[in-house]
Amino acid sequence: MDRITKWLRQAEAYLDSWGQGGWIAAFVLGFILFWPLGLAILGYTLWSGRMGCWGKRRHKTERKASGNTAFDDYRAETLRRLEEEQSAFEGYLDRLRRAKDKAEFDGFMDERREGRTGEPEPA
């Protein structure tokens, strides 16, 4: 099993060296030789982000070390702080939405208690 995993990783690295064209050629050949193999390769390329725009978002979050530990520490701390600020901002937006929804619902209930349904009366 270890040899198979090693061989698959080598094949993946080899196809990555060819870029998208290598992956396209691989799944076209896979379809020609044995269609489930081509389908598996196509699915893997889409799932792994090697094709299309799905992977672009995923790869932005993956950070590689720059080689400078001070910079890597600074970047990690900055990203952590930004994630905390984003979380706090999302919480703030959620509270605003809830307040707006509550105000609209309270207005609806007040109208309903007064006997107004909000529908135009027949002429």
PDB file of N, CA and C in Angstrom:
ATOM      1  N   MET A   1       0.823  -1.189   0.000  1.00  0.00           N
ATOM      2  CA  MET A   1       0.000   0.000   0.000  1.00  0.00           C
ATOM      3  C   MET A   1       0.867   1.251   0.000  1.00  0.00           C
ATOM      4  N   ASP A   2       1.988   1.180   0.711  1.00  0.00           N
ATOM      5  CA  ASP A   2       2.894   2.313   0.778  1.00  0.00           C
ATOM      6  C   ASP A   2       3.496   2.615  -0.594  1.00  0.00           C
ATOM      7  N   ARG A   3       3.800   1.556  -1.349  1.00  0.00           N
ATOM      8  CA  ARG A   3       4.353   1.756  -2.691  1.00  0.00           C
ATOM      9  C   ARG A   3       3.330   2.407  -3.616  1.00  0.00           C
ATOM     10  N   ILE A   4       2.073   2.017  -3.473  1.00  0.00           N
ATOM     11  CA  ILE A   4       1.027   2.609  -4.310  1.00  0.00           C
ATOM     12  C   ILE A   4       0.875   4.093  -3.987  1.00  0.00           C
ATOM     13  N   THR A   5       0.841   4.421  -2.701  1.00  0.00           N
ATOM     14  CA  THR A   5       0.728   5.818  -2.283  1.00  0.00           C
ATOM     15  C   THR A   5       1.910   6.626  -2.791  1.00  0.00           C
ATOM     16  N   LYS A   6       3.113   6.063  -2.679  1.00  0.00           N
ATOM     17  CA  LYS A   6       4.306   6.753  -3.155  1.00  0.00           C
ATOM     18  C   LYS A   6       4.220   6.972  -4.665  1.00  0.00           C
ATOM     19  N   TRP A   7       3.778   5.950  -5.405  1.00  0.00           N
ATOM     20  CA  TRP A   7       3.671   6.072  -6.850  1.00  0.00           C
ATOM     21  C   TRP A   7       2.632   7.131  -7.229  1.00  0.00           C
ATOM     22  N   LEU A   8       1.486   7.158  -6.514  1.00  0.00           N
ATOM     23  CA  LEU A   8       0.459   8.161  -6.806  1.00  0.00           C
ATOM     24  C   LEU A   8       0.954   9.574  -6.521  1.00  0.00           C
ATOM     25  N   ARG A   9       1.709   9.731  -5.440  1.00  0.00           N
ATOM     26  CA  ARG A   9       2.271  11.061  -5.138  1.00  0.00           C
ATOM     27  C   ARG A   9       3.275  11.498  -6.208  1.00  0.00           C
ATOM     28  N   GLN A  10       4.076  10.568  -6.696  1.00  0.00           N
ATOM     29  CA  GLN A  10       5.023  10.885  -7.760  1.00  0.00           C
ATOM     30  C   GLN A  10       4.284  11.256  -9.047  1.00  0.00           C
ATOM     31  N   ALA A  11       3.228  10.511  -9.365  1.00  0.00           N
ATOM     32  CA  ALA A  11       2.440  10.816 -10.555  1.00  0.00           C
ATOM     33  C   ALA A  11       1.788  12.189 -10.431  1.00  0.00           C
ATOM     34  N   GLU A  12       1.288  12.498  -9.238  1.00  0.00           N
ATOM     35  CA  GLU A  12       0.675  13.797  -8.997  1.00  0.00           C
ATOM     36  C   GLU A  12       1.693  14.920  -9.174  1.00  0.00           C
ATOM     37  N   ALA A  13       2.892  14.740  -8.610  1.00  0.00           N
ATOM     38  CA  ALA A  13       3.946  15.756  -8.752  1.00  0.00           C
ATOM     39  C   ALA A  13       4.351  15.914 -10.212  1.00  0.00           C
ATOM     40  N   TYR A  14       4.429  14.806 -10.936  1.00  0.00           N
ATOM     41  CA  TYR A  14       4.800  14.860 -12.344  1.00  0.00           C
ATOM     42  C   TYR A  14       3.745  15.625 -13.147  1.00  0.00           C
ATOM     43  N   LEU A  15       2.466  15.316 -12.911  1.00  0.00           N
ATOM     44  CA  LEU A  15       1.402  16.029 -13.624  1.00  0.00           C
ATOM     45  C   LEU A  15       1.343  17.495 -13.224  1.00  0.00           C
ATOM     46  N   ASP A  16       1.609  17.780 -11.946  1.00  0.00           N
ATOM     47  CA  ASP A  16       1.653  19.179 -11.509  1.00  0.00           C
ATOM     48  C   ASP A  16       2.751  19.949 -12.226  1.00  0.00           C
ATOM     49  N   SER A  17       3.870  19.273 -12.528  1.00  0.00           N
ATOM     50  CA  SER A  17       4.961  19.958 -13.235  1.00  0.00           C
ATOM     51  C   SER A  17       4.534  20.347 -14.655  1.00  0.00           C
ATOM     52  N   TRP A  18       3.572  19.626 -15.221  1.00  0.00           N
ATOM     53  CA  TRP A  18       3.053  19.945 -16.550  1.00  0.00           C
ATOM     54  C   TRP A  18       1.918  20.958 -16.479  1.00  0.00           C
ATOM     55  N   GLY A  19       1.403  21.216 -15.311  1.00  0.00           N
ATOM     56  CA  GLY A  19       0.327  22.196 -15.148  1.00  0.00           C
ATOM     57  C   GLY A  19      -1.024  21.626 -15.539  1.00  0.00           C
ATOM     58  N   GLN A  20      -1.959  22.518 -15.868  1.00  0.00           N
ATOM     59  CA  GLN A  20      -3.311  22.088 -16.211  1.00  0.00           C
ATOM     60  C   GLN A  20      -3.325  21.211 -17.459  1.00  0.00           C
ATOM     61  N   GLY A  21      -2.444  21.489 -18.395  1.00  0.00           N
ATOM     62  CA  GLY A  21      -2.384  20.685 -19.615  1.00  0.00           C
ATOM     63  C   GLY A  21      -2.068  19.229 -19.330  1.00  0.00           C
ATOM     64  N   GLY A  22      -1.191  18.982 -18.382  1.00  0.00           N
ATOM     65  CA  GLY A  22      -0.861  17.620 -18.004  1.00  0.00           C
ATOM     66  C   GLY A  22      -2.051  16.895 -17.399  1.00  0.00           C
ATOM     67  N   TRP A  23      -2.792  17.597 -16.559  1.00  0.00           N
ATOM     68  CA  TRP A  23      -3.975  16.989 -15.938  1.00  0.00           C
ATOM     69  C   TRP A  23      -5.059  16.729 -16.982  1.00  0.00           C
ATOM     70  N   ILE A  24      -5.232  17.653 -17.922  1.00  0.00           N
ATOM     71  CA  ILE A  24      -6.221  17.452 -18.977  1.00  0.00           C
ATOM     72  C   ILE A  24      -5.845  16.232 -19.814  1.00  0.00           C
ATOM     73  N   ALA A  25      -4.578  16.139 -20.190  1.00  0.00           N
ATOM     74  CA  ALA A  25      -4.119  14.983 -20.966  1.00  0.00           C
ATOM     75  C   ALA A  25      -4.329  13.687 -20.186  1.00  0.00           C
ATOM     76  N   ALA A  26      -4.098  13.720 -18.886  1.00  0.00           N
ATOM     77  CA  ALA A  26      -4.252  12.515 -18.067  1.00  0.00           C
ATOM     78  C   ALA A  26      -5.693  12.042 -18.045  1.00  0.00           C
ATOM     79  N   PHE A  27      -6.642  12.970 -17.841  1.00  0.00           N
ATOM     80  CA  PHE A  27      -8.009  12.461 -17.779  1.00  0.00           C
ATOM     81  C   PHE A  27      -8.575  12.144 -19.149  1.00  0.00           C
ATOM     82  N   VAL A  28      -8.088  12.789 -20.224  1.00  0.00           N
ATOM     83  CA  VAL A  28      -8.511  12.396 -21.570  1.00  0.00           C
ATOM     84  C   VAL A  28      -8.003  10.988 -21.875  1.00  0.00           C
ATOM     85  N   LEU A  29      -6.726  10.721 -21.580  1.00  0.00           N
ATOM     86  CA  LEU A  29      -6.192   9.369 -21.774  1.00  0.00           C
ATOM     87  C   LEU A  29      -6.905   8.357 -20.881  1.00  0.00           C
ATOM     88  N   GLY A  30      -7.246   8.775 -19.681  1.00  0.00           N
ATOM     89  CA  GLY A  30      -7.989   7.903 -18.786  1.00  0.00           C
ATOM     90  C   GLY A  30      -9.345   7.531 -19.359  1.00  0.00           C
ATOM     91  N   PHE A  31     -10.026   8.513 -19.955  1.00  0.00           N
ATOM     92  CA  PHE A  31     -11.308   8.226 -20.596  1.00  0.00           C
ATOM     93  C   PHE A  31     -11.145   7.292 -21.791  1.00  0.00           C
ATOM     94  N   ILE A  32     -10.074   7.478 -22.539  1.00  0.00           N
ATOM     95  CA  ILE A  32      -9.841   6.624 -23.707  1.00  0.00           C
ATOM     96  C   ILE A  32      -9.531   5.194 -23.280  1.00  0.00           C
ATOM     97  N   LEU A  33      -8.664   5.038 -22.289  1.00  0.00           N
ATOM     98  CA  LEU A  33      -8.253   3.701 -21.874  1.00  0.00           C
ATOM     99  C   LEU A  33      -9.335   2.974 -21.072  1.00  0.00           C
ATOM    100  N   PHE A  34      -9.909   3.648 -20.091  1.00  0.00           N
ATOM    101  CA  PHE A  34     -10.888   3.027 -19.200  1.00  0.00           C
ATOM    102  C   PHE A  34     -11.693   4.164 -18.584  1.00  0.00           C
ATOM    103  N   TRP A  35     -12.942   4.343 -19.031  1.00  0.00           N
ATOM    104  CA  TRP A  35     -13.691   5.540 -18.675  1.00  0.00           C
ATOM    105  C   TRP A  35     -13.808   5.802 -17.174  1.00  0.00           C
ATOM    106  N   PRO A  36     -13.926   4.798 -16.289  1.00  0.00           N
ATOM    107  CA  PRO A  36     -13.970   5.129 -14.854  1.00  0.00           C
ATOM    108  C   PRO A  36     -12.666   5.772 -14.358  1.00  0.00           C
ATOM    109  N   LEU A  37     -11.548   5.389 -14.966  1.00  0.00           N
ATOM    110  CA  LEU A  37     -10.270   6.007 -14.593  1.00  0.00           C
ATOM    111  C   LEU A  37     -10.268   7.480 -14.983  1.00  0.00           C
ATOM    112  N   GLY A  38     -10.724   7.780 -16.190  1.00  0.00           N
ATOM    113  CA  GLY A  38     -10.814   9.172 -16.621  1.00  0.00           C
ATOM    114  C   GLY A  38     -11.735   9.981 -15.744  1.00  0.00           C
ATOM    115  N   LEU A  39     -12.850   9.376 -15.368  1.00  0.00           N
ATOM    116  CA  LEU A  39     -13.797  10.053 -14.487  1.00  0.00           C
ATOM    117  C   LEU A  39     -13.186  10.297 -13.110  1.00  0.00           C
ATOM    118  N   ALA A  40     -12.434   9.329 -12.607  1.00  0.00           N
ATOM    119  CA  ALA A  40     -11.774   9.484 -11.306  1.00  0.00           C
ATOM    120  C   ALA A  40     -10.737  10.608 -11.355  1.00  0.00           C
ATOM    121  N   ILE A  41      -9.955  10.649 -12.431  1.00  0.00           N
ATOM    122  CA  ILE A  41      -8.939  11.708 -12.559  1.00  0.00           C
ATOM    123  C   ILE A  41      -9.613  13.069 -12.675  1.00  0.00           C
ATOM    124  N   LEU A  42     -10.664  13.158 -13.478  1.00  0.00           N
ATOM    125  CA  LEU A  42     -11.392  14.422 -13.616  1.00  0.00           C
ATOM    126  C   LEU A  42     -11.951  14.873 -12.271  1.00  0.00           C
ATOM    127  N   GLY A  43     -12.571  13.943 -11.544  1.00  0.00           N
ATOM    128  CA  GLY A  43     -13.106  14.286 -10.222  1.00  0.00           C
ATOM    129  C   GLY A  43     -12.022  14.760  -9.273  1.00  0.00           C
ATOM    130  N   TYR A  44     -10.865  14.096  -9.301  1.00  0.00           N
ATOM    131  CA  TYR A  44      -9.768  14.496  -8.427  1.00  0.00           C
ATOM    132  C   TYR A  44      -9.258  15.889  -8.781  1.00  0.00           C
ATOM    133  N   THR A  45      -9.136  16.187 -10.079  1.00  0.00           N
ATOM    134  CA  THR A  45      -8.632  17.507 -10.465  1.00  0.00           C
ATOM    135  C   THR A  45      -9.588  18.608 -10.033  1.00  0.00           C
ATOM    136  N   LEU A  46     -10.887  18.339 -10.125  1.00  0.00           N
ATOM    137  CA  LEU A  46     -11.845  19.353  -9.684  1.00  0.00           C
ATOM    138  C   LEU A  46     -11.858  19.475  -8.165  1.00  0.00           C
ATOM    139  N   TRP A  47     -11.838  18.337  -7.469  1.00  0.00           N
ATOM    140  CA  TRP A  47     -11.881  18.346  -6.009  1.00  0.00           C
ATOM    141  C   TRP A  47     -10.632  18.981  -5.407  1.00  0.00           C
ATOM    142  N   SER A  48      -9.478  18.713  -6.008  1.00  0.00           N
ATOM    143  CA  SER A  48      -8.225  19.200  -5.433  1.00  0.00           C
ATOM    144  C   SER A  48      -7.946  20.658  -5.773  1.00  0.00           C
ATOM    145  N   GLY A  49      -8.735  21.238  -6.669  1.00  0.00           N
ATOM    146  CA  GLY A  49      -8.538  22.640  -7.016  1.00  0.00           C
ATOM    147  C   GLY A  49      -7.537  22.848  -8.127  1.00  0.00           C
ATOM    148  N   ARG A  50      -7.178  21.810  -8.828  1.00  0.00           N
ATOM    149  CA  ARG A  50      -6.222  21.945  -9.920  1.00  0.00           C
ATOM    150  C   ARG A  50      -6.872  22.473 -11.189  1.00  0.00           C
ATOM    151  N   MET A  51      -8.177  22.435 -11.244  1.00  0.00           N
ATOM    152  CA  MET A  51      -8.926  22.946 -12.400  1.00  0.00           C
ATOM    153  C   MET A  51     -10.013  23.883 -11.894  1.00  0.00           C
ATOM    154  N   GLY A  52     -10.382  24.817 -12.713  1.00  0.00           N
ATOM    155  CA  GLY A  52     -11.505  25.694 -12.393  1.00  0.00           C
ATOM    156  C   GLY A  52     -11.166  26.724 -11.345  1.00  0.00           C
ATOM    157  N   CYS A  53     -12.181  27.439 -10.929  1.00  0.00           N
ATOM    158  CA  CYS A  53     -11.976  28.518  -9.970  1.00  0.00           C
ATOM    159  C   CYS A  53     -12.255  28.081  -8.539  1.00  0.00           C
ATOM    160  N   TRP A  54     -12.729  26.831  -8.326  1.00  0.00           N
ATOM    161  CA  TRP A  54     -12.986  26.386  -6.959  1.00  0.00           C
ATOM    162  C   TRP A  54     -11.718  26.355  -6.142  1.00  0.00           C
ATOM    163  N   GLY A  55     -10.653  25.907  -6.722  1.00  0.00           N
ATOM    164  CA  GLY A  55      -9.416  25.742  -5.981  1.00  0.00           C
ATOM    165  C   GLY A  55      -8.718  27.039  -5.658  1.00  0.00           C
ATOM    166  N   LYS A  56      -9.018  28.090  -6.400  1.00  0.00           N
ATOM    167  CA  LYS A  56      -8.332  29.360  -6.167  1.00  0.00           C
ATOM    168  C   LYS A  56      -8.611  29.880  -4.772  1.00  0.00           C
ATOM    169  N   ARG A  57      -9.851  29.738  -4.332  1.00  0.00           N
ATOM    170  CA  ARG A  57     -10.167  30.186  -2.984  1.00  0.00           C
ATOM    171  C   ARG A  57      -9.460  29.341  -1.943  1.00  0.00           C
ATOM    172  N   ARG A  58      -9.410  28.063  -2.180  1.00  0.00           N
ATOM    173  CA  ARG A  58      -8.808  27.159  -1.212  1.00  0.00           C
ATOM    174  C   ARG A  58      -7.309  27.392  -1.083  1.00  0.00           C
ATOM    175  N   HIS A  59      -6.646  27.639  -2.200  1.00  0.00           N
ATOM    176  CA  HIS A  59      -5.200  27.803  -2.155  1.00  0.00           C
ATOM    177  C   HIS A  59      -4.782  29.130  -1.515  1.00  0.00           C
ATOM    178  N   LYS A  60      -5.663  30.108  -1.486  1.00  0.00           N
ATOM    179  CA  LYS A  60      -5.311  31.366  -0.836  1.00  0.00           C
ATOM    180  C   LYS A  60      -5.109  31.178   0.659  1.00  0.00           C
ATOM    181  N   THR A  61      -5.827  30.237   1.256  1.00  0.00           N
ATOM    182  CA  THR A  61      -5.703  30.039   2.696  1.00  0.00           C
ATOM    183  C   THR A  61      -4.485  29.185   3.050  1.00  0.00           C
ATOM    184  N   GLU A  62      -3.943  28.469   2.075  1.00  0.00           N
ATOM    185  CA  GLU A  62      -2.768  27.645   2.338  1.00  0.00           C
ATOM    186  C   GLU A  62      -1.529  28.537   2.233  1.00  0.00           C
ATOM    187  N   ARG A  63      -0.794  28.650   3.309  1.00  0.00           N
ATOM    188  CA  ARG A  63       0.388  29.501   3.349  1.00  0.00           C
ATOM    189  C   ARG A  63       1.643  28.650   3.431  1.00  0.00           C
ATOM    190  N   LYS A  64       2.594  28.962   2.615  1.00  0.00           N
ATOM    191  CA  LYS A  64       3.880  28.278   2.678  1.00  0.00           C
ATOM    192  C   LYS A  64       4.859  29.151   3.444  1.00  0.00           C
ATOM    193  N   ALA A  65       5.784  28.518   4.089  1.00  0.00           N
ATOM    194  CA  ALA A  65       6.794  29.249   4.850  1.00  0.00           C
ATOM    195  C   ALA A  65       7.686  30.031   3.891  1.00  0.00           C
ATOM    196  N   SER A  66       8.040  31.236   4.308  1.00  0.00           N
ATOM    197  CA  SER A  66       8.888  32.073   3.461  1.00  0.00           C
ATOM    198  C   SER A  66      10.374  31.778   3.673  1.00  0.00           C
ATOM    199  N   GLY A  67      10.698  31.103   4.759  1.00  0.00           N
ATOM    200  CA  GLY A  67      12.093  30.861   5.090  1.00  0.00           C
ATOM    201  C   GLY A  67      12.584  31.812   6.177  1.00  0.00           C
ATOM    202  N   ASN A  68      11.876  32.912   6.373  1.00  0.00           N
ATOM    203  CA  ASN A  68      12.223  33.886   7.401  1.00  0.00           C
ATOM    204  C   ASN A  68      11.248  33.687   8.563  1.00  0.00           C
ATOM    205  N   THR A  69      11.735  33.161   9.670  1.00  0.00           N
ATOM    206  CA  THR A  69      10.843  32.827  10.783  1.00  0.00           C
ATOM    207  C   THR A  69      10.192  34.060  11.401  1.00  0.00           C
ATOM    208  N   ALA A  70      10.901  35.182  11.439  1.00  0.00           N
ATOM    209  CA  ALA A  70      10.324  36.399  12.004  1.00  0.00           C
ATOM    210  C   ALA A  70       9.135  36.854  11.155  1.00  0.00           C
ATOM    211  N   PHE A  71       9.309  36.830   9.834  1.00  0.00           N
ATOM    212  CA  PHE A  71       8.212  37.215   8.955  1.00  0.00           C
ATOM    213  C   PHE A  71       7.058  36.229   9.056  1.00  0.00           C
ATOM    214  N   ASP A  72       7.362  34.934   9.104  1.00  0.00           N
ATOM    215  CA  ASP A  72       6.309  33.922   9.210  1.00  0.00           C
ATOM    216  C   ASP A  72       5.514  34.095  10.501  1.00  0.00           C
ATOM    217  N   ASP A  73       6.201  34.413  11.613  1.00  0.00           N
ATOM    218  CA  ASP A  73       5.511  34.652  12.888  1.00  0.00           C
ATOM    219  C   ASP A  73       4.629  35.893  12.798  1.00  0.00           C
ATOM    220  N   TYR A  74       5.165  36.958  12.184  1.00  0.00           N
ATOM    221  CA  TYR A  74       4.403  38.194  12.012  1.00  0.00           C
ATOM    222  C   TYR A  74       3.166  37.939  11.157  1.00  0.00           C
ATOM    223  N   ARG A  75       3.339  37.215  10.051  1.00  0.00           N
ATOM    224  CA  ARG A  75       2.221  36.923   9.162  1.00  0.00           C
ATOM    225  C   ARG A  75       1.172  36.073   9.888  1.00  0.00           C
ATOM    226  N   ALA A  76       1.600  35.071  10.629  1.00  0.00           N
ATOM    227  CA  ALA A  76       0.657  34.218  11.351  1.00  0.00           C
ATOM    228  C   ALA A  76      -0.126  35.032  12.385  1.00  0.00           C
ATOM    229  N   GLU A  77       0.547  35.919  13.097  1.00  0.00           N
ATOM    230  CA  GLU A  77      -0.117  36.751  14.096  1.00  0.00           C
ATOM    231  C   GLU A  77      -1.099  37.722  13.434  1.00  0.00           C
ATOM    232  N   THR A  78      -0.683  38.319  12.330  1.00  0.00           N
ATOM    233  CA  THR A  78      -1.560  39.245  11.609  1.00  0.00           C
ATOM    234  C   THR A  78      -2.796  38.514  11.082  1.00  0.00           C
ATOM    235  N   LEU A  79      -2.606  37.342  10.505  1.00  0.00           N
ATOM    236  CA  LEU A  79      -3.744  36.573  10.000  1.00  0.00           C
ATOM    237  C   LEU A  79      -4.682  36.154  11.128  1.00  0.00           C
ATOM    238  N   ARG A  80      -4.113  35.787  12.276  1.00  0.00           N
ATOM    239  CA  ARG A  80      -4.943  35.430  13.418  1.00  0.00           C
ATOM    240  C   ARG A  80      -5.771  36.630  13.873  1.00  0.00           C
ATOM    241  N   ARG A  81      -5.122  37.803  13.950  1.00  0.00           N
ATOM    242  CA  ARG A  81      -5.824  39.021  14.363  1.00  0.00           C
ATOM    243  C   ARG A  81      -6.928  39.385  13.372  1.00  0.00           C
ATOM    244  N   LEU A  82      -6.636  39.262  12.066  1.00  0.00           N
ATOM    245  CA  LEU A  82      -7.637  39.570  11.053  1.00  0.00           C
ATOM    246  C   LEU A  82      -8.820  38.595  11.117  1.00  0.00           C
ATOM    247  N   GLU A  83      -8.539  37.335  11.392  1.00  0.00           N
ATOM    248  CA  GLU A  83      -9.617  36.363  11.534  1.00  0.00           C
ATOM    249  C   GLU A  83     -10.489  36.691  12.740  1.00  0.00           C
ATOM    250  N   GLU A  84      -9.873  37.144  13.831  1.00  0.00           N
ATOM    251  CA  GLU A  84     -10.645  37.550  15.004  1.00  0.00           C
ATOM    252  C   GLU A  84     -11.513  38.760  14.685  1.00  0.00           C
ATOM    253  N   GLU A  85     -10.939  39.747  13.958  1.00  0.00           N
ATOM    254  CA  GLU A  85     -11.712  40.927  13.575  1.00  0.00           C
ATOM    255  C   GLU A  85     -12.858  40.554  12.646  1.00  0.00           C
ATOM    256  N   GLN A  86     -12.607  39.631  11.716  1.00  0.00           N
ATOM    257  CA  GLN A  86     -13.662  39.188  10.814  1.00  0.00           C
ATOM    258  C   GLN A  86     -14.780  38.513  11.595  1.00  0.00           C
ATOM    259  N   SER A  87     -14.414  37.686  12.546  1.00  0.00           N
ATOM    260  CA  SER A  87     -15.413  37.006  13.373  1.00  0.00           C
ATOM    261  C   SER A  87     -16.226  38.014  14.179  1.00  0.00           C
ATOM    262  N   ALA A  88     -15.557  39.016  14.750  1.00  0.00           N
ATOM    263  CA  ALA A  88     -16.255  40.049  15.514  1.00  0.00           C
ATOM    264  C   ALA A  88     -17.190  40.850  14.611  1.00  0.00           C
ATOM    265  N   PHE A  89     -16.744  41.159  13.405  1.00  0.00           N
ATOM    266  CA  PHE A  89     -17.561  41.924  12.465  1.00  0.00           C
ATOM    267  C   PHE A  89     -18.781  41.113  12.028  1.00  0.00           C
ATOM    268  N   GLU A  90     -18.585  39.817  11.781  1.00  0.00           N
ATOM    269  CA  GLU A  90     -19.717  38.966  11.417  1.00  0.00           C
ATOM    270  C   GLU A  90     -20.728  38.894  12.554  1.00  0.00           C
ATOM    271  N   GLY A  91     -20.243  38.861  13.787  1.00  0.00           N
ATOM    272  CA  GLY A  91     -21.139  38.897  14.938  1.00  0.00           C
ATOM    273  C   GLY A  91     -21.915  40.200  15.010  1.00  0.00           C
ATOM    274  N   TYR A  92     -21.224  41.314  14.721  1.00  0.00           N
ATOM    275  CA  TYR A  92     -21.869  42.627  14.706  1.00  0.00           C
ATOM    276  C   TYR A  92     -22.958  42.669  13.638  1.00  0.00           C
ATOM    277  N   LEU A  93     -22.652  42.175  12.435  1.00  0.00           N
ATOM    278  CA  LEU A  93     -23.650  42.156  11.366  1.00  0.00           C
ATOM    279  C   LEU A  93     -24.838  41.273  11.739  1.00  0.00           C
ATOM    280  N   ASP A  94     -24.574  40.168  12.389  1.00  0.00           N
ATOM    281  CA  ASP A  94     -25.653  39.282  12.821  1.00  0.00           C
ATOM    282  C   ASP A  94     -26.560  40.004  13.831  1.00  0.00           C
ATOM    283  N   ARG A  95     -25.947  40.733  14.774  1.00  0.00           N
ATOM    284  CA  ARG A  95     -26.750  41.483  15.748  1.00  0.00           C
ATOM    285  C   ARG A  95     -27.581  42.562  15.053  1.00  0.00           C
ATOM    286  N   LEU A  96     -26.999  43.243  14.036  1.00  0.00           N
ATOM    287  CA  LEU A  96     -27.760  44.254  13.297  1.00  0.00           C
ATOM    288  C   LEU A  96     -28.947  43.631  12.571  1.00  0.00           C
ATOM    289  N   ARG A  97     -28.722  42.480  11.927  1.00  0.00           N
ATOM    290  CA  ARG A  97     -29.811  41.804  11.219  1.00  0.00           C
ATOM    291  C   ARG A  97     -30.906  41.381  12.182  1.00  0.00           C
ATOM    292  N   ARG A  98     -30.509  40.877  13.334  1.00  0.00           N
ATOM    293  CA  ARG A  98     -31.499  40.456  14.323  1.00  0.00           C
ATOM    294  C   ARG A  98     -32.304  41.658  14.828  1.00  0.00           C
ATOM    295  N   ALA A  99     -31.629  42.787  15.065  1.00  0.00           N
ATOM    296  CA  ALA A  99     -32.328  43.981  15.537  1.00  0.00           C
ATOM    297  C   ALA A  99     -33.307  44.484  14.480  1.00  0.00           C
ATOM    298  N   LYS A 100     -32.881  44.471  13.223  1.00  0.00           N
ATOM    299  CA  LYS A 100     -33.763  44.908  12.145  1.00  0.00           C
ATOM    300  C   LYS A 100     -34.960  43.969  12.027  1.00  0.00           C
ATOM    301  N   ASP A 101     -34.705  42.660  12.063  1.00  0.00           N
ATOM    302  CA  ASP A 101     -35.793  41.683  11.986  1.00  0.00           C
ATOM    303  C   ASP A 101     -36.771  41.850  13.149  1.00  0.00           C
ATOM    304  N   LYS A 102     -36.227  42.102  14.348  1.00  0.00           N
ATOM    305  CA  LYS A 102     -37.088  42.271  15.517  1.00  0.00           C
ATOM    306  C   LYS A 102     -37.934  43.524  15.377  1.00  0.00           C
ATOM    307  N   ALA A 103     -37.334  44.615  14.892  1.00  0.00           N
ATOM    308  CA  ALA A 103     -38.094  45.848  14.717  1.00  0.00           C
ATOM    309  C   ALA A 103     -39.204  45.655  13.683  1.00  0.00           C
ATOM    310  N   GLU A 104     -38.905  44.975  12.583  1.00  0.00           N
ATOM    311  CA  GLU A 104     -39.929  44.723  11.568  1.00  0.00           C
ATOM    312  C   GLU A 104     -41.031  43.831  12.120  1.00  0.00           C
ATOM    313  N   PHE A 105     -40.659  42.804  12.865  1.00  0.00           N
ATOM    314  CA  PHE A 105     -41.662  41.905  13.436  1.00  0.00           C
ATOM    315  C   PHE A 105     -42.519  42.634  14.467  1.00  0.00           C
ATOM    316  N   ASP A 106     -41.879  43.448  15.315  1.00  0.00           N
ATOM    317  CA  ASP A 106     -42.641  44.207  16.310  1.00  0.00           C
ATOM    318  C   ASP A 106     -43.620  45.157  15.630  1.00  0.00           C
ATOM    319  N   GLY A 107     -43.183  45.791  14.542  1.00  0.00           N
ATOM    320  CA  GLY A 107     -44.086  46.671  13.793  1.00  0.00           C
ATOM    321  C   GLY A 107     -45.261  45.899  13.219  1.00  0.00           C
ATOM    322  N   PHE A 108     -45.002  44.726  12.692  1.00  0.00           N
ATOM    323  CA  PHE A 108     -46.067  43.877  12.162  1.00  0.00           C
ATOM    324  C   PHE A 108     -47.052  43.496  13.259  1.00  0.00           C
ATOM    325  N   MET A 109     -46.526  43.094  14.399  1.00  0.00           N
ATOM    326  CA  MET A 109     -47.406  42.688  15.511  1.00  0.00           C
ATOM    327  C   MET A 109     -48.222  43.871  16.025  1.00  0.00           C
ATOM    328  N   ASP A 110     -47.613  45.074  16.069  1.00  0.00           N
ATOM    329  CA  ASP A 110     -48.358  46.259  16.510  1.00  0.00           C
ATOM    330  C   ASP A 110     -49.510  46.548  15.556  1.00  0.00           C
ATOM    331  N   GLU A 111     -49.240  46.469  14.250  1.00  0.00           N
ATOM    332  CA  GLU A 111     -50.303  46.692  13.265  1.00  0.00           C
ATOM    333  C   GLU A 111     -51.402  45.656  13.418  1.00  0.00           C
ATOM    334  N   ARG A 112     -51.019  44.453  13.671  1.00  0.00           N
ATOM    335  CA  ARG A 112     -51.996  43.367  13.796  1.00  0.00           C
ATOM    336  C   ARG A 112     -52.869  43.558  15.035  1.00  0.00           C
ATOM    337  N   ARG A 113     -52.261  44.007  16.107  1.00  0.00           N
ATOM    338  CA  ARG A 113     -53.033  44.247  17.338  1.00  0.00           C
ATOM    339  C   ARG A 113     -54.039  45.376  17.140  1.00  0.00           C
ATOM    340  N   GLU A 114     -53.668  46.364  16.314  1.00  0.00           N
ATOM    341  CA  GLU A 114     -54.561  47.496  16.060  1.00  0.00           C
ATOM    342  C   GLU A 114     -55.641  47.135  15.050  1.00  0.00           C
ATOM    343  N   GLY A 115     -55.571  45.948  14.465  1.00  0.00           N
ATOM    344  CA  GLY A 115     -56.604  45.520  13.532  1.00  0.00           C
ATOM    345  C   GLY A 115     -56.286  45.829  12.084  1.00  0.00           C
ATOM    346  N   ARG A 116     -55.112  46.356  11.828  1.00  0.00           N
ATOM    347  CA  ARG A 116     -54.715  46.627  10.444  1.00  0.00           C
ATOM    348  C   ARG A 116     -53.946  45.420   9.930  1.00  0.00           C
ATOM    349  N   THR A 117     -54.325  44.898   8.819  1.00  0.00           N
ATOM    350  CA  THR A 117     -53.640  43.741   8.260  1.00  0.00           C
ATOM    351  C   THR A 117     -52.599  44.131   7.234  1.00  0.00           C
ATOM    352  N   GLY A 118     -52.616  45.371   6.815  1.00  0.00           N
ATOM    353  CA  GLY A 118     -51.651  45.813   5.806  1.00  0.00           C
ATOM    354  C   GLY A 118     -52.153  45.594   4.395  1.00  0.00           C
ATOM    355  N   GLU A 119     -53.318  44.974   4.256  1.00  0.00           N
ATOM    356  CA  GLU A 119     -53.893  44.745   2.938  1.00  0.00           C
ATOM    357  C   GLU A 119     -54.841  45.895   2.625  1.00  0.00           C
ATOM    358  N   PRO A 120     -54.917  46.300   1.361  1.00  0.00           N
ATOM    359  CA  PRO A 120     -55.864  47.377   1.014  1.00  0.00           C
ATOM    360  C   PRO A 120     -57.299  46.897   1.190  1.00  0.00           C
ATOM    361  N   GLU A 121     -58.124  47.799   1.701  1.00  0.00           N
ATOM    362  CA  GLU A 121     -59.525  47.441   1.923  1.00  0.00           C
ATOM    363  C   GLU A 121     -60.274  47.472   0.587  1.00  0.00           C
ATOM    364  N   PRO A 122     -61.269  46.589   0.417  1.00  0.00           N
ATOM    365  CA  PRO A 122     -62.028  46.579  -0.843  1.00  0.00           C
ATOM    366  C   PRO A 122     -62.814  47.865  -1.020  1.00  0.00           C
ATOM    367  N   ALA A 123     -62.888  48.332  -2.243  1.00  0.00           N
ATOM    368  CA  ALA A 123     -63.556  49.613  -2.516  1.00  0.00           C
ATOM    369  C   ALA A 123     -65.028  49.482  -2.684  1.00  0.00           C
TER     370      ALA A 123
END
